[in-house]
Protein backbone atom coordinates (compact mmCIF):
# COMPACT_ATOMS: atom_id res chain seq x y z
CA ILE A 1 130.05 84.89 144.64
CA GLY A 2 129.71 87.69 147.20
CA ARG A 3 132.01 90.15 149.03
CA SER A 4 132.05 91.05 152.72
CA SER A 5 134.65 91.98 155.26
CA GLU A 6 132.67 90.09 158.02
CA PRO A 7 133.34 86.34 158.87
CA PRO A 8 132.84 83.70 157.72
CA ILE A 9 134.91 84.22 154.60
CA ASP A 10 135.71 80.92 153.13
CA PHE A 11 138.21 81.99 150.51
CA VAL A 12 140.32 84.89 149.59
CA VAL A 13 141.19 84.99 145.95
CA MET A 14 143.97 87.14 144.49
CA ASP A 15 142.91 89.27 141.54
CA THR A 16 144.91 89.15 138.36
CA TYR A 17 145.58 92.04 136.16
CA PRO A 18 145.49 91.80 132.30
CA ALA A 19 148.62 92.29 130.31
CA THR A 20 149.21 95.68 128.50
CA GLU A 21 150.71 96.37 125.14
CA ASN A 22 154.08 96.98 126.92
CA GLY A 23 154.18 93.71 128.78
CA PRO A 24 152.64 92.50 132.06
CA GLY A 25 149.89 94.20 133.86
CA ASN A 26 150.32 96.30 137.06
CA GLU A 27 151.28 93.63 139.55
CA SER A 28 152.65 96.16 142.07
CA ARG A 29 149.15 96.60 143.48
CA MET A 30 147.63 93.48 145.30
CA ALA A 31 143.88 93.18 145.07
CA GLN A 32 141.81 90.55 146.78
CA SER A 33 138.38 89.16 146.37
CA THR A 34 136.45 87.35 149.21
CA ILE A 35 134.11 84.56 148.60
CA SER A 36 131.47 83.57 151.18
CA ARG A 37 129.64 80.35 151.64
CA PHE A 38 126.45 82.36 151.71
CA ALA A 39 126.84 84.28 148.41
CA CYS A 40 125.29 81.78 146.00
CA ARG A 41 124.58 78.18 145.47
CA LEU A 42 124.25 76.17 142.28
CA LEU A 43 122.08 73.08 142.34
CA THR A 44 122.13 70.73 139.27
CA GLU A 45 119.75 67.81 139.13
CA ARG A 46 121.37 64.43 138.79
CA GLN A 47 118.66 62.92 136.67
CA HIS A 48 118.39 66.04 134.45
CA PRO A 49 121.92 67.56 134.33
CA ASN A 50 120.66 70.21 131.87
CA ILE A 51 118.70 71.79 134.77
CA THR A 52 120.61 73.95 137.09
CA ARG A 53 119.11 76.46 139.62
CA ILE A 54 121.09 79.33 140.93
CA TYR A 55 120.17 80.67 144.40
CA ALA A 56 121.99 83.92 144.98
CA ALA A 57 122.27 86.31 147.87
CA GLY A 58 124.01 89.56 148.59
CA PHE A 59 125.04 91.90 151.31
CA ASP A 60 123.27 95.14 152.18
CA SER A 61 124.90 98.38 153.34
CA SER A 62 124.70 97.03 156.99
CA ARG A 63 126.60 93.95 155.82
CA ASN A 64 123.53 91.68 156.39
CA ILE A 65 122.96 89.03 153.89
CA PHE A 66 119.75 88.94 151.81
CA LEU A 67 118.33 86.67 149.22
CA GLY A 68 117.88 88.03 145.69
């Protein structure tokens, strides 16, 4: 999962707010999270499904992607 304002953004997910003691959370403010196809990849082996590798990347201050 990564965040960037640059294309390509594959999904925009609306954030949810937890409920408070007095009822629902603050739904008056709308927050969005973006998910980019370059952010991370999970690979699970078919023959050994208990082995999963995570390949992650991030965005630097210049909005360039880098592998981490």
